[in-house]
PDB file of N, CA and C in Angstrom:
ATOM      1  N   MET A   1     152.150-120.353  39.872  1.00  0.00           N
ATOM      2  CA  MET A   1     151.634-119.610  40.855  1.00  0.00           C
ATOM      3  C   MET A   1     151.559-121.323  41.406  1.00  0.00           C
ATOM      4  N   ALA A   2     151.577-122.311  41.176  1.00  0.00           N
ATOM      5  CA  ALA A   2     151.062-123.309  41.832  1.00  0.00           C
ATOM      6  C   ALA A   2     152.626-124.030  42.742  1.00  0.00           C
ATOM      7  N   SER A   3     153.738-123.558  41.970  1.00  0.00           N
ATOM      8  CA  SER A   3     154.952-123.931  42.168  1.00  0.00           C
ATOM      9  C   SER A   3     155.381-123.545  43.635  1.00  0.00           C
ATOM     10  N   ILE A   4     155.257-122.408  43.816  1.00  0.00           N
ATOM     11  CA  ILE A   4     155.104-121.742  45.045  1.00  0.00           C
ATOM     12  C   ILE A   4     154.476-121.769  46.296  1.00  0.00           C
ATOM     13  N   LEU A   5     153.602-123.064  46.258  1.00  0.00           N
ATOM     14  CA  LEU A   5     152.535-124.023  46.818  1.00  0.00           C
ATOM     15  C   LEU A   5     153.289-124.655  47.920  1.00  0.00           C
ATOM     16  N   LYS A   6     153.019-124.969  48.819  1.00  0.00           N
ATOM     17  CA  LYS A   6     153.795-126.343  49.525  1.00  0.00           C
ATOM     18  C   LYS A   6     153.522-127.286  48.929  1.00  0.00           C
ATOM     19  N   GLU A   7     153.490-128.542  49.121  1.00  0.00           N
ATOM     20  CA  GLU A   7     152.915-129.974  48.852  1.00  0.00           C
ATOM     21  C   GLU A   7     152.036-130.338  50.191  1.00  0.00           C
ATOM     22  N   PRO A   8     150.891-130.754  50.314  1.00  0.00           N
ATOM     23  CA  PRO A   8     150.117-130.580  51.201  1.00  0.00           C
ATOM     24  C   PRO A   8     150.703-131.956  51.641  1.00  0.00           C
ATOM     25  N   ALA A   9     150.534-132.054  53.156  1.00  0.00           N
ATOM     26  CA  ALA A   9     150.693-133.290  54.012  1.00  0.00           C
ATOM     27  C   ALA A   9     149.950-134.359  53.232  1.00  0.00           C
ATOM     28  N   LEU A  10     150.237-135.748  53.181  1.00  0.00           N
ATOM     29  CA  LEU A  10     149.985-136.667  52.763  1.00  0.00           C
ATOM     30  C   LEU A  10     148.952-137.155  53.656  1.00  0.00           C
ATOM     31  N   LYS A  11     148.454-136.969  54.709  1.00  0.00           N
ATOM     32  CA  LYS A  11     147.005-137.268  55.169  1.00  0.00           C
ATOM     33  C   LYS A  11     145.942-136.186  54.942  1.00  0.00           C
ATOM     34  N   GLU A  12     146.494-134.648  54.318  1.00  0.00           N
ATOM     35  CA  GLU A  12     145.316-134.538  54.681  1.00  0.00           C
ATOM     36  C   GLU A  12     145.043-134.175  52.668  1.00  0.00           C
ATOM     37  N   ARG A  13     146.318-134.903  51.724  1.00  0.00           N
ATOM     38  CA  ARG A  13     145.733-134.695  50.655  1.00  0.00           C
ATOM     39  C   ARG A  13     144.589-135.773  50.318  1.00  0.00           C
ATOM     40  N   PRO A  14     143.832-136.486  50.765  1.00  0.00           N
ATOM     41  CA  PRO A  14     142.477-137.204  50.389  1.00  0.00           C
ATOM     42  C   PRO A  14     141.534-135.943  50.545  1.00  0.00           C
ATOM     43  N   ALA A  15     141.365-135.625  52.260  1.00  0.00           N
ATOM     44  CA  ALA A  15     140.553-134.473  52.115  1.00  0.00           C
ATOM     45  C   ALA A  15     140.203-133.151  50.913  1.00  0.00           C
ATOM     46  N   LEU A  16     141.672-133.101  50.340  1.00  0.00           N
ATOM     47  CA  LEU A  16     141.818-132.375  49.927  1.00  0.00           C
ATOM     48  C   LEU A  16     141.098-132.808  48.168  1.00  0.00           C
ATOM     49  N   GLU A  17     141.406-134.088  47.952  1.00  0.00           N
ATOM     50  CA  GLU A  17     140.994-133.954  46.611  1.00  0.00           C
ATOM     51  C   GLU A  17     139.506-134.464  46.956  1.00  0.00           C
ATOM     52  N   GLU A  18     139.068-135.132  48.300  1.00  0.00           N
ATOM     53  CA  GLU A  18     137.601-134.826  47.941  1.00  0.00           C
ATOM     54  C   GLU A  18     137.156-133.706  48.063  1.00  0.00           C
ATOM     55  N   ALA A  19     137.500-132.430  48.236  1.00  0.00           N
ATOM     56  CA  ALA A  19     136.776-131.612  48.564  1.00  0.00           C
ATOM     57  C   ALA A  19     137.302-130.366  46.904  1.00  0.00           C
ATOM     58  N   LEU A  20     138.257-131.217  46.707  1.00  0.00           N
ATOM     59  CA  LEU A  20     137.940-129.915  45.016  1.00  0.00           C
ATOM     60  C   LEU A  20     136.812-131.320  43.937  1.00  0.00           C
ATOM     61  N   ARG A  21     136.863-132.279  44.380  1.00  0.00           N
ATOM     62  CA  ARG A  21     135.561-133.358  43.792  1.00  0.00           C
ATOM     63  C   ARG A  21     134.337-132.879  43.598  1.00  0.00           C
ATOM     64  N   LYS A  22     134.031-132.664  45.537  1.00  0.00           N
ATOM     65  CA  LYS A  22     132.756-131.678  45.806  1.00  0.00           C
ATOM     66  C   LYS A  22     132.869-130.476  45.529  1.00  0.00           C
ATOM     67  N   ALA A  23     133.762-129.867  45.418  1.00  0.00           N
ATOM     68  CA  ALA A  23     133.054-128.392  44.710  1.00  0.00           C
ATOM     69  C   ALA A  23     132.599-128.569  43.234  1.00  0.00           C
ATOM     70  N   ILE A  24     134.166-129.502  42.483  1.00  0.00           N
ATOM     71  CA  ILE A  24     133.438-129.110  41.299  1.00  0.00           C
ATOM     72  C   ILE A  24     131.695-129.991  40.918  1.00  0.00           C
ATOM     73  N   ASP A  25     131.787-130.890  41.444  1.00  0.00           N
ATOM     74  CA  ASP A  25     130.348-131.060  41.254  1.00  0.00           C
ATOM     75  C   ASP A  25     129.144-130.335  41.643  1.00  0.00           C
ATOM     76  N   ASN A  26     129.411-129.164  42.573  1.00  0.00           N
ATOM     77  CA  ASN A  26     128.677-128.357  42.999  1.00  0.00           C
ATOM     78  C   ASN A  26     128.730-126.888  42.431  1.00  0.00           C
ATOM     79  N   ARG A  27     129.587-127.231  41.226  1.00  0.00           N
ATOM     80  CA  ARG A  27     130.009-126.144  40.285  1.00  0.00           C
ATOM     81  C   ARG A  27     130.734-125.313  41.068  1.00  0.00           C
ATOM     82  N   CYS A  28     131.287-125.314  42.106  1.00  0.00           N
ATOM     83  CA  CYS A  28     131.732-124.064  42.556  1.00  0.00           C
ATOM     84  C   CYS A  28     133.365-123.639  42.208  1.00  0.00           C
ATOM     85  N   PHE A  29     133.313-123.326  41.164  1.00  0.00           N
ATOM     86  CA  PHE A  29     134.854-123.157  40.716  1.00  0.00           C
ATOM     87  C   PHE A  29     135.752-122.090  40.902  1.00  0.00           C
ATOM     88  N   GLN A  30     135.474-121.333  41.321  1.00  0.00           N
ATOM     89  CA  GLN A  30     136.338-120.523  42.491  1.00  0.00           C
ATOM     90  C   GLN A  30     137.484-121.372  42.952  1.00  0.00           C
ATOM     91  N   ALA A  31     136.400-121.998  43.607  1.00  0.00           N
ATOM     92  CA  ALA A  31     137.100-122.830  45.314  1.00  0.00           C
ATOM     93  C   ALA A  31     137.757-123.589  44.690  1.00  0.00           C
ATOM     94  N   ALA A  32     137.400-124.332  43.593  1.00  0.00           N
ATOM     95  CA  ALA A  32     138.435-125.721  42.843  1.00  0.00           C
ATOM     96  C   ALA A  32     139.460-125.151  42.138  1.00  0.00           C
ATOM     97  N   VAL A  33     139.415-123.978  41.733  1.00  0.00           N
ATOM     98  CA  VAL A  33     140.978-123.353  41.584  1.00  0.00           C
ATOM     99  C   VAL A  33     141.992-123.296  42.391  1.00  0.00           C
ATOM    100  N   ARG A  34     141.040-122.838  43.383  1.00  0.00           N
ATOM    101  CA  ARG A  34     141.884-122.652  44.594  1.00  0.00           C
ATOM    102  C   ARG A  34     142.856-124.274  45.004  1.00  0.00           C
ATOM    103  N   LEU A  35     141.849-125.007  45.392  1.00  0.00           N
ATOM    104  CA  LEU A  35     141.919-126.227  46.053  1.00  0.00           C
ATOM    105  C   LEU A  35     142.978-127.227  44.989  1.00  0.00           C
ATOM    106  N   ALA A  36     142.562-127.271  43.273  1.00  0.00           N
ATOM    107  CA  ALA A  36     143.667-127.656  42.942  1.00  0.00           C
ATOM    108  C   ALA A  36     144.470-127.133  42.590  1.00  0.00           C
ATOM    109  N   LEU A  37     144.884-125.709  42.988  1.00  0.00           N
ATOM    110  CA  LEU A  37     146.582-125.462  43.292  1.00  0.00           C
ATOM    111  C   LEU A  37     146.911-125.537  44.758  1.00  0.00           C
ATOM    112  N   LEU A  38     146.496-125.952  45.930  1.00  0.00           N
ATOM    113  CA  LEU A  38     147.009-126.219  46.620  1.00  0.00           C
ATOM    114  C   LEU A  38     147.270-127.667  46.482  1.00  0.00           C
ATOM    115  N   LEU A  39     146.483-128.648  45.203  1.00  0.00           N
ATOM    116  CA  LEU A  39     147.182-130.303  45.067  1.00  0.00           C
ATOM    117  C   LEU A  39     148.228-129.979  44.140  1.00  0.00           C
ATOM    118  N   ASN A  40     148.709-128.853  43.766  1.00  0.00           N
ATOM    119  CA  ASN A  40     150.185-128.918  42.834  1.00  0.00           C
ATOM    120  C   ASN A  40     149.404-129.806  41.552  1.00  0.00           C
ATOM    121  N   LEU A  41     148.521-129.654  41.084  1.00  0.00           N
ATOM    122  CA  LEU A  41     147.566-130.473  39.873  1.00  0.00           C
ATOM    123  C   LEU A  41     148.160-129.574  38.645  1.00  0.00           C
ATOM    124  N   PRO A  42     148.094-130.564  37.597  1.00  0.00           N
ATOM    125  CA  PRO A  42     148.862-130.057  36.507  1.00  0.00           C
ATOM    126  C   PRO A  42     148.539-128.726  36.108  1.00  0.00           C
ATOM    127  N   GLU A  43     149.052-127.962  35.224  1.00  0.00           N
ATOM    128  CA  GLU A  43     148.999-126.770  35.016  1.00  0.00           C
ATOM    129  C   GLU A  43     147.676-126.709  34.004  1.00  0.00           C
ATOM    130  N   ASP A  44     147.276-127.913  33.184  1.00  0.00           N
ATOM    131  CA  ASP A  44     146.163-127.386  32.217  1.00  0.00           C
ATOM    132  C   ASP A  44     144.650-128.180  33.262  1.00  0.00           C
ATOM    133  N   GLU A  45     145.143-128.627  34.196  1.00  0.00           N
ATOM    134  CA  GLU A  45     143.822-129.047  34.630  1.00  0.00           C
ATOM    135  C   GLU A  45     143.022-127.387  35.263  1.00  0.00           C
ATOM    136  N   ILE A  46     144.188-127.052  36.567  1.00  0.00           N
ATOM    137  CA  ILE A  46     144.047-125.576  36.563  1.00  0.00           C
ATOM    138  C   ILE A  46     143.459-125.001  35.587  1.00  0.00           C
ATOM    139  N   ARG A  47     143.737-124.353  34.788  1.00  0.00           N
ATOM    140  CA  ARG A  47     143.695-123.676  33.560  1.00  0.00           C
ATOM    141  C   ARG A  47     142.201-124.252  32.873  1.00  0.00           C
ATOM    142  N   SER A  48     141.620-125.278  32.587  1.00  0.00           N
ATOM    143  CA  SER A  48     141.000-125.766  32.059  1.00  0.00           C
ATOM    144  C   SER A  48     139.686-125.207  33.516  1.00  0.00           C
ATOM    145  N   LEU A  49     139.521-125.371  35.093  1.00  0.00           N
ATOM    146  CA  LEU A  49     138.933-124.901  36.073  1.00  0.00           C
ATOM    147  C   LEU A  49     138.936-122.926  36.071  1.00  0.00           C
ATOM    148  N   LYS A  50     140.142-122.465  35.898  1.00  0.00           N
ATOM    149  CA  LYS A  50     140.230-120.846  35.905  1.00  0.00           C
ATOM    150  C   LYS A  50     139.125-121.144  34.106  1.00  0.00           C
ATOM    151  N   GLU A  51     138.706-121.419  33.713  1.00  0.00           N
ATOM    152  CA  GLU A  51     137.991-121.260  32.595  1.00  0.00           C
ATOM    153  C   GLU A  51     136.571-121.200  32.393  1.00  0.00           C
ATOM    154  N   GLN A  52     136.483-122.333  33.655  1.00  0.00           N
ATOM    155  CA  GLN A  52     135.033-122.721  34.394  1.00  0.00           C
ATOM    156  C   GLN A  52     134.595-121.418  34.743  1.00  0.00           C
ATOM    157  N   ALA A  53     136.029-121.496  36.103  1.00  0.00           N
ATOM    158  CA  ALA A  53     135.518-120.606  37.238  1.00  0.00           C
ATOM    159  C   ALA A  53     134.931-119.303  35.903  1.00  0.00           C
ATOM    160  N   LEU A  54     135.566-118.416  35.065  1.00  0.00           N
ATOM    161  CA  LEU A  54     135.930-117.481  33.889  1.00  0.00           C
ATOM    162  C   LEU A  54     134.349-117.169  33.565  1.00  0.00           C
ATOM    163  N   LYS A  55     134.127-118.436  33.139  1.00  0.00           N
ATOM    164  CA  LYS A  55     132.284-118.459  32.474  1.00  0.00           C
ATOM    165  C   LYS A  55     131.135-118.799  32.738  1.00  0.00           C
ATOM    166  N   GLN A  56     131.486-118.772  34.328  1.00  0.00           N
ATOM    167  CA  GLN A  56     130.625-118.753  35.217  1.00  0.00           C
ATOM    168  C   GLN A  56     130.077-117.357  35.670  1.00  0.00           C
ATOM    169  N   ILE A  57     131.318-116.557  36.195  1.00  0.00           N
ATOM    170  CA  ILE A  57     131.085-115.569  36.657  1.00  0.00           C
ATOM    171  C   ILE A  57     131.005-114.249  35.423  1.00  0.00           C
ATOM    172  N   ALA A  58     131.453-114.563  34.537  1.00  0.00           N
ATOM    173  CA  ALA A  58     131.036-113.433  33.508  1.00  0.00           C
ATOM    174  C   ALA A  58     129.084-113.537  32.843  1.00  0.00           C
ATOM    175  N   CYS A  59     129.214-115.056  32.717  1.00  0.00           N
ATOM    176  CA  CYS A  59     128.430-115.800  31.256  1.00  0.00           C
ATOM    177  C   CYS A  59     127.081-115.742  32.459  1.00  0.00           C
ATOM    178  N   GLU A  60     126.997-116.622  33.332  1.00  0.00           N
ATOM    179  CA  GLU A  60     126.363-117.247  34.293  1.00  0.00           C
ATOM    180  C   GLU A  60     125.784-115.878  34.972  1.00  0.00           C
ATOM    181  N   TYR A  61     126.869-115.585  35.742  1.00  0.00           N
ATOM    182  CA  TYR A  61     126.303-114.549  37.091  1.00  0.00           C
ATOM    183  C   TYR A  61     126.663-112.947  36.369  1.00  0.00           C
ATOM    184  N   ARG A  62     127.326-112.667  35.022  1.00  0.00           N
ATOM    185  CA  ARG A  62     127.522-111.808  34.951  1.00  0.00           C
ATOM    186  C   ARG A  62     127.819-110.490  35.471  1.00  0.00           C
ATOM    187  N   ASN A  63     129.021-110.547  35.933  1.00  0.00           N
ATOM    188  CA  ASN A  63     129.374-110.030  37.157  1.00  0.00           C
ATOM    189  C   ASN A  63     130.718-109.558  36.965  1.00  0.00           C
ATOM    190  N   ALA A  64     130.649-108.366  36.418  1.00  0.00           N
ATOM    191  CA  ALA A  64     132.229-107.561  35.361  1.00  0.00           C
ATOM    192  C   ALA A  64     133.294-107.536  36.000  1.00  0.00           C
ATOM    193  N   VAL A  65     132.838-107.282  37.333  1.00  0.00           N
ATOM    194  CA  VAL A  65     133.922-106.660  38.321  1.00  0.00           C
ATOM    195  C   VAL A  65     134.739-108.098  39.082  1.00  0.00           C
ATOM    196  N   ALA A  66     134.129-109.214  39.692  1.00  0.00           N
ATOM    197  CA  ALA A  66     134.640-110.185  39.684  1.00  0.00           C
ATOM    198  C   ALA A  66     135.413-110.929  38.255  1.00  0.00           C
ATOM    199  N   ALA A  67     134.514-110.598  37.534  1.00  0.00           N
ATOM    200  CA  ALA A  67     135.500-111.414  36.252  1.00  0.00           C
ATOM    201  C   ALA A  67     136.914-111.089  36.330  1.00  0.00           C
ATOM    202  N   ARG A  68     136.649-109.400  35.833  1.00  0.00           N
ATOM    203  CA  ARG A  68     137.982-108.316  35.354  1.00  0.00           C
ATOM    204  C   ARG A  68     138.839-108.901  37.121  1.00  0.00           C
ATOM    205  N   ASN A  69     138.634-108.990  38.078  1.00  0.00           N
ATOM    206  CA  ASN A  69     139.047-109.497  39.169  1.00  0.00           C
ATOM    207  C   ASN A  69     140.087-110.445  39.256  1.00  0.00           C
ATOM    208  N   LEU A  70     139.494-111.231  38.911  1.00  0.00           N
ATOM    209  CA  LEU A  70     139.751-112.902  38.337  1.00  0.00           C
ATOM    210  C   LEU A  70     141.164-113.170  37.380  1.00  0.00           C
ATOM    211  N   ALA A  71     140.649-112.460  36.468  1.00  0.00           N
ATOM    212  CA  ALA A  71     141.074-112.386  35.244  1.00  0.00           C
ATOM    213  C   ALA A  71     142.841-111.532  35.589  1.00  0.00           C
ATOM    214  N   ARG A  72     142.688-110.661  36.089  1.00  0.00           N
ATOM    215  CA  ARG A  72     144.010-109.680  36.658  1.00  0.00           C
ATOM    216  C   ARG A  72     145.049-110.894  38.299  1.00  0.00           C
ATOM    217  N   GLU A  73     143.866-111.432  39.316  1.00  0.00           N
ATOM    218  CA  GLU A  73     144.819-112.474  39.765  1.00  0.00           C
ATOM    219  C   GLU A  73     145.276-113.447  39.305  1.00  0.00           C
ATOM    220  N   TRP A  74     144.479-114.145  38.484  1.00  0.00           N
ATOM    221  CA  TRP A  74     144.686-114.744  37.282  1.00  0.00           C
ATOM    222  C   TRP A  74     145.892-114.756  36.047  1.00  0.00           C
ATOM    223  N   GLU A  75     146.298-113.944  35.889  1.00  0.00           N
ATOM    224  CA  GLU A  75     146.937-113.265  35.241  1.00  0.00           C
ATOM    225  C   GLU A  75     146.894-113.917  33.815  1.00  0.00           C
ATOM    226  N   ILE A  76     145.520-113.579  33.860  1.00  0.00           N
ATOM    227  CA  ILE A  76     144.783-113.818  32.048  1.00  0.00           C
ATOM    228  C   ILE A  76     145.219-113.077  31.314  1.00  0.00           C
ATOM    229  N   PRO A  77     145.975-112.971  29.731  1.00  0.00           N
ATOM    230  CA  PRO A  77     145.701-112.115  29.839  1.00  0.00           C
ATOM    231  C   PRO A  77     144.629-111.731  28.755  1.00  0.00           C
ATOM    232  N   ARG A  78     143.989-109.950  28.065  1.00  0.00           N
ATOM    233  CA  ARG A  78     142.577-109.906  28.116  1.00  0.00           C
ATOM    234  C   ARG A  78     142.416-110.883  27.179  1.00  0.00           C
ATOM    235  N   ALA A  79     143.095-110.657  25.878  1.00  0.00           N
ATOM    236  CA  ALA A  79     142.955-111.691  24.759  1.00  0.00           C
ATOM    237  C   ALA A  79     142.039-112.872  25.089  1.00  0.00           C
ATOM    238  N   GLN A  80     143.034-113.599  25.863  1.00  0.00           N
ATOM    239  CA  GLN A  80     142.161-115.498  26.128  1.00  0.00           C
ATOM    240  C   GLN A  80     141.070-114.916  26.969  1.00  0.00           C
ATOM    241  N   LEU A  81     141.010-113.660  27.447  1.00  0.00           N
ATOM    242  CA  LEU A  81     139.430-113.411  28.446  1.00  0.00           C
ATOM    243  C   LEU A  81     138.463-113.786  27.039  1.00  0.00           C
ATOM    244  N   GLU A  82     138.592-112.700  26.608  1.00  0.00           N
ATOM    245  CA  GLU A  82     138.117-112.676  25.760  1.00  0.00           C
ATOM    246  C   GLU A  82     137.784-113.513  24.219  1.00  0.00           C
ATOM    247  N   GLU A  83     138.718-114.578  24.313  1.00  0.00           N
ATOM    248  CA  GLU A  83     138.689-115.752  23.285  1.00  0.00           C
ATOM    249  C   GLU A  83     137.494-116.909  24.687  1.00  0.00           C
ATOM    250  N   ILE A  84     138.159-117.031  25.442  1.00  0.00           N
ATOM    251  CA  ILE A  84     136.964-117.979  26.477  1.00  0.00           C
ATOM    252  C   ILE A  84     135.882-117.232  26.878  1.00  0.00           C
ATOM    253  N   LEU A  85     135.456-116.347  26.467  1.00  0.00           N
ATOM    254  CA  LEU A  85     133.925-115.085  26.705  1.00  0.00           C
ATOM    255  C   LEU A  85     133.764-115.663  25.184  1.00  0.00           C
ATOM    256  N   THR A  86     134.222-115.489  24.128  1.00  0.00           N
ATOM    257  CA  THR A  86     133.190-115.574  22.714  1.00  0.00           C
ATOM    258  C   THR A  86     133.273-117.395  22.315  1.00  0.00           C
ATOM    259  N   LYS A  87     134.004-118.017  23.406  1.00  0.00           N
ATOM    260  CA  LYS A  87     133.687-119.537  23.044  1.00  0.00           C
ATOM    261  C   LYS A  87     132.669-119.990  24.335  1.00  0.00           C
ATOM    262  N   ALA A  88     132.231-118.900  25.333  1.00  0.00           N
ATOM    263  CA  ALA A  88     131.160-119.193  26.116  1.00  0.00           C
ATOM    264  C   ALA A  88     129.735-119.213  25.647  1.00  0.00           C
ATOM    265  N   VAL A  89     129.759-118.013  24.586  1.00  0.00           N
ATOM    266  CA  VAL A  89     128.817-117.363  24.282  1.00  0.00           C
ATOM    267  C   VAL A  89     128.334-117.955  23.166  1.00  0.00           C
ATOM    268  N   ARG A  90     129.027-118.636  22.441  1.00  0.00           N
ATOM    269  CA  ARG A  90     129.120-119.477  21.129  1.00  0.00           C
ATOM    270  C   ARG A  90     128.447-121.059  21.412  1.00  0.00           C
ATOM    271  N   GLU A  91     129.073-121.942  22.832  1.00  0.00           N
ATOM    272  CA  GLU A  91     128.126-122.848  23.492  1.00  0.00           C
ATOM    273  C   GLU A  91     126.952-122.670  24.043  1.00  0.00           C
ATOM    274  N   PHE A  92     126.301-121.292  24.801  1.00  0.00           N
ATOM    275  CA  PHE A  92     125.007-121.208  24.908  1.00  0.00           C
ATOM    276  C   PHE A  92     124.083-120.858  24.028  1.00  0.00           C
ATOM    277  N   GLU A  93     124.662-120.136  22.822  1.00  0.00           N
ATOM    278  CA  GLU A  93     123.581-120.268  22.042  1.00  0.00           C
ATOM    279  C   GLU A  93     123.959-121.304  21.227  1.00  0.00           C
ATOM    280  N   ALA A  94     124.757-122.259  20.875  1.00  0.00           N
ATOM    281  CA  ALA A  94     124.240-123.719  20.335  1.00  0.00           C
ATOM    282  C   ALA A  94     123.946-124.287  20.811  1.00  0.00           C
ATOM    283  N   ALA A  95     123.606-124.421  22.530  1.00  0.00           N
ATOM    284  CA  ALA A  95     122.789-125.149  23.010  1.00  0.00           C
ATOM    285  C   ALA A  95     121.377-124.631  23.694  1.00  0.00           C
ATOM    286  N   GLY A  96     121.320-123.997  22.903  1.00  0.00           N
ATOM    287  CA  GLY A  96     119.934-123.063  22.608  1.00  0.00           C
ATOM    288  C   GLY A  96     119.138-122.743  24.324  1.00  0.00           C
ATOM    289  N   ASN A  97     119.963-122.424  24.943  1.00  0.00           N
ATOM    290  CA  ASN A  97     120.138-122.061  26.709  1.00  0.00           C
ATOM    291  C   ASN A  97     119.806-120.761  26.713  1.00  0.00           C
ATOM    292  N   VAL A  98     118.296-120.706  26.529  1.00  0.00           N
ATOM    293  CA  VAL A  98     117.871-118.621  26.324  1.00  0.00           C
ATOM    294  C   VAL A  98     118.242-118.031  27.936  1.00  0.00           C
ATOM    295  N   LYS A  99     118.138-118.762  28.510  1.00  0.00           N
ATOM    296  CA  LYS A  99     118.000-118.623  30.584  1.00  0.00           C
ATOM    297  C   LYS A  99     119.295-117.721  30.588  1.00  0.00           C
ATOM    298  N   GLN A 100     120.344-118.240  29.959  1.00  0.00           N
ATOM    299  CA  GLN A 100     121.961-117.711  29.964  1.00  0.00           C
ATOM    300  C   GLN A 100     121.944-116.791  28.395  1.00  0.00           C
ATOM    301  N   SER A 101     121.616-116.890  27.779  1.00  0.00           N
ATOM    302  CA  SER A 101     122.250-116.526  26.241  1.00  0.00           C
ATOM    303  C   SER A 101     120.651-115.197  25.999  1.00  0.00           C
ATOM    304  N   GLY A 102     119.632-115.369  26.924  1.00  0.00           N
ATOM    305  CA  GLY A 102     118.620-114.091  26.308  1.00  0.00           C
ATOM    306  C   GLY A 102     119.030-112.944  26.898  1.00  0.00           C
ATOM    307  N   PRO A 103     118.209-111.895  27.028  1.00  0.00           N
ATOM    308  CA  PRO A 103     118.383-110.569  27.923  1.00  0.00           C
ATOM    309  C   PRO A 103     118.064-110.869  29.578  1.00  0.00           C
ATOM    310  N   ALA A 104     119.142-110.160  30.375  1.00  0.00           N
ATOM    311  CA  ALA A 104     119.168-110.371  31.888  1.00  0.00           C
ATOM    312  C   ALA A 104     119.502-108.800  32.146  1.00  0.00           C
ATOM    313  N   TYR A 105     119.217-108.136  33.266  1.00  0.00           N
ATOM    314  CA  TYR A 105     119.010-106.696  33.456  1.00  0.00           C
ATOM    315  C   TYR A 105     120.676-106.180  33.868  1.00  0.00           C
ATOM    316  N   ASP A 106     120.862-105.152  32.998  1.00  0.00           N
ATOM    317  CA  ASP A 106     122.690-105.005  33.719  1.00  0.00           C
ATOM    318  C   ASP A 106     122.522-103.564  34.649  1.00  0.00           C
ATOM    319  N   ILE A 107     122.923-103.684  35.393  1.00  0.00           N
ATOM    320  CA  ILE A 107     123.137-102.649  36.583  1.00  0.00           C
ATOM    321  C   ILE A 107     123.495-101.343  36.128  1.00  0.00           C
ATOM    322  N   ASN A 108     124.926-101.891  35.264  1.00  0.00           N
ATOM    323  CA  ASN A 108     125.368-100.723  35.413  1.00  0.00           C
ATOM    324  C   ASN A 108     125.161 -99.693  33.913  1.00  0.00           C
ATOM    325  N   THR A 109     124.372-100.368  32.625  1.00  0.00           N
ATOM    326  CA  THR A 109     123.706 -99.777  31.758  1.00  0.00           C
ATOM    327  C   THR A 109     122.419 -99.452  31.661  1.00  0.00           C
ATOM    328  N   GLY A 110     121.374-100.309  33.209  1.00  0.00           N
ATOM    329  CA  GLY A 110     120.192 -99.789  32.797  1.00  0.00           C
ATOM    330  C   GLY A 110     119.530-100.356  32.022  1.00  0.00           C
ATOM    331  N   LYS A 111     119.968-101.850  31.060  1.00  0.00           N
ATOM    332  CA  LYS A 111     119.559-101.687  30.160  1.00  0.00           C
ATOM    333  C   LYS A 111     119.163-103.690  30.063  1.00  0.00           C
ATOM    334  N   TYR A 112     118.091-104.121  29.324  1.00  0.00           N
ATOM    335  CA  TYR A 112     118.239-105.720  29.385  1.00  0.00           C
ATOM    336  C   TYR A 112     118.734-106.176  28.390  1.00  0.00           C
ATOM    337  N   LEU A 113     119.936-106.303  28.518  1.00  0.00           N
ATOM    338  CA  LEU A 113     121.031-107.485  27.068  1.00  0.00           C
ATOM    339  C   LEU A 113     121.300-108.716  26.942  1.00  0.00           C
ATOM    340  N   THR A 114     121.270-109.059  26.030  1.00  0.00           N
ATOM    341  CA  THR A 114     121.696-110.464  25.721  1.00  0.00           C
ATOM    342  C   THR A 114     123.131-110.611  26.308  1.00  0.00           C
ATOM    343  N   LEU A 115     123.473-111.921  26.655  1.00  0.00           N
ATOM    344  CA  LEU A 115     124.907-112.286  27.326  1.00  0.00           C
ATOM    345  C   LEU A 115     126.215-111.490  25.990  1.00  0.00           C
ATOM    346  N   ASN A 116     125.610-111.736  24.277  1.00  0.00           N
ATOM    347  CA  ASN A 116     126.511-111.529  23.680  1.00  0.00           C
ATOM    348  C   ASN A 116     126.174-109.580  23.789  1.00  0.00           C
ATOM    349  N   GLU A 117     125.544-109.207  24.171  1.00  0.00           N
ATOM    350  CA  GLU A 117     125.735-107.445  23.948  1.00  0.00           C
ATOM    351  C   GLU A 117     126.529-107.726  25.280  1.00  0.00           C
ATOM    352  N   TRP A 118     125.970-108.469  26.248  1.00  0.00           N
ATOM    353  CA  TRP A 118     126.895-108.040  27.428  1.00  0.00           C
ATOM    354  C   TRP A 118     128.092-107.636  27.338  1.00  0.00           C
ATOM    355  N   ILE A 119     128.572-109.132  26.850  1.00  0.00           N
ATOM    356  CA  ILE A 119     129.946-109.031  26.440  1.00  0.00           C
ATOM    357  C   ILE A 119     130.939-108.834  25.709  1.00  0.00           C
ATOM    358  N   GLN A 120     129.700-107.905  24.770  1.00  0.00           N
ATOM    359  CA  GLN A 120     130.084-106.735  24.544  1.00  0.00           C
ATOM    360  C   GLN A 120     130.771-105.041  25.394  1.00  0.00           C
ATOM    361  N   GLN A 121     129.518-105.328  25.892  1.00  0.00           N
ATOM    362  CA  GLN A 121     129.737-103.926  27.141  1.00  0.00           C
ATOM    363  C   GLN A 121     130.965-104.472  27.799  1.00  0.00           C
ATOM    364  N   PHE A 122     131.182-105.479  28.413  1.00  0.00           N
ATOM    365  CA  PHE A 122     131.881-105.833  29.607  1.00  0.00           C
ATOM    366  C   PHE A 122     134.078-105.651  29.073  1.00  0.00           C
ATOM    367  N   ARG A 123     134.221-105.557  27.039  1.00  0.00           N
ATOM    368  CA  ARG A 123     135.068-106.011  26.123  1.00  0.00           C
ATOM    369  C   ARG A 123     134.816-104.060  26.749  1.00  0.00           C
ATOM    370  N   LYS A 124     134.199-103.327  26.054  1.00  0.00           N
ATOM    371  CA  LYS A 124     134.795-101.649  26.385  1.00  0.00           C
ATOM    372  C   LYS A 124     134.824-101.112  27.549  1.00  0.00           C
ATOM    373  N   THR A 125     134.382-102.075  28.630  1.00  0.00           N
ATOM    374  CA  THR A 125     134.566-101.567  30.030  1.00  0.00           C
ATOM    375  C   THR A 125     136.013-102.575  30.832  1.00  0.00           C
ATOM    376  N   PHE A 126     136.435-102.936  30.033  1.00  0.00           N
ATOM    377  CA  PHE A 126     137.049-104.013  30.966  1.00  0.00           C
ATOM    378  C   PHE A 126     138.401-103.760  31.169  1.00  0.00           C
ATOM    379  N   ASP A 127     139.035-102.283  30.988  1.00  0.00           N
ATOM    380  CA  ASP A 127     140.564-101.744  31.412  1.00  0.00           C
ATOM    381  C   ASP A 127     139.570-100.750  32.525  1.00  0.00           C
ATOM    382  N   ARG A 128     138.598-100.128  33.020  1.00  0.00           N
ATOM    383  CA  ARG A 128     138.015 -99.496  33.832  1.00  0.00           C
ATOM    384  C   ARG A 128     138.423 -99.910  35.071  1.00  0.00           C
TER     385      ARG A 128
END
């Protein structure tokens, strides 16, 4: 996808790079992905930003619809998405981040689910 975007004009590039830095500093990973694509950054950097955005949307915000839509938009296969989310759960649990890994209300089930339970539920409903 990065190759089909036009290279930004030289005078615009510093402003886009600054916007990218600010987006990352402010943890606005979806915006960072879009800016990285405009800047035609290397694919591994874009992939890393996409993973951070998916972790944030799914694990921090627990927004299944947005996570599913981003994965489809960015053409991330289901198996890779599951790997990203499983890794994120382990990271949150290893860090002892109770706020993120602990129970939170899930509007779809009407129950309080831990992050691990939410991910399991997300996997079951991914194709919907």
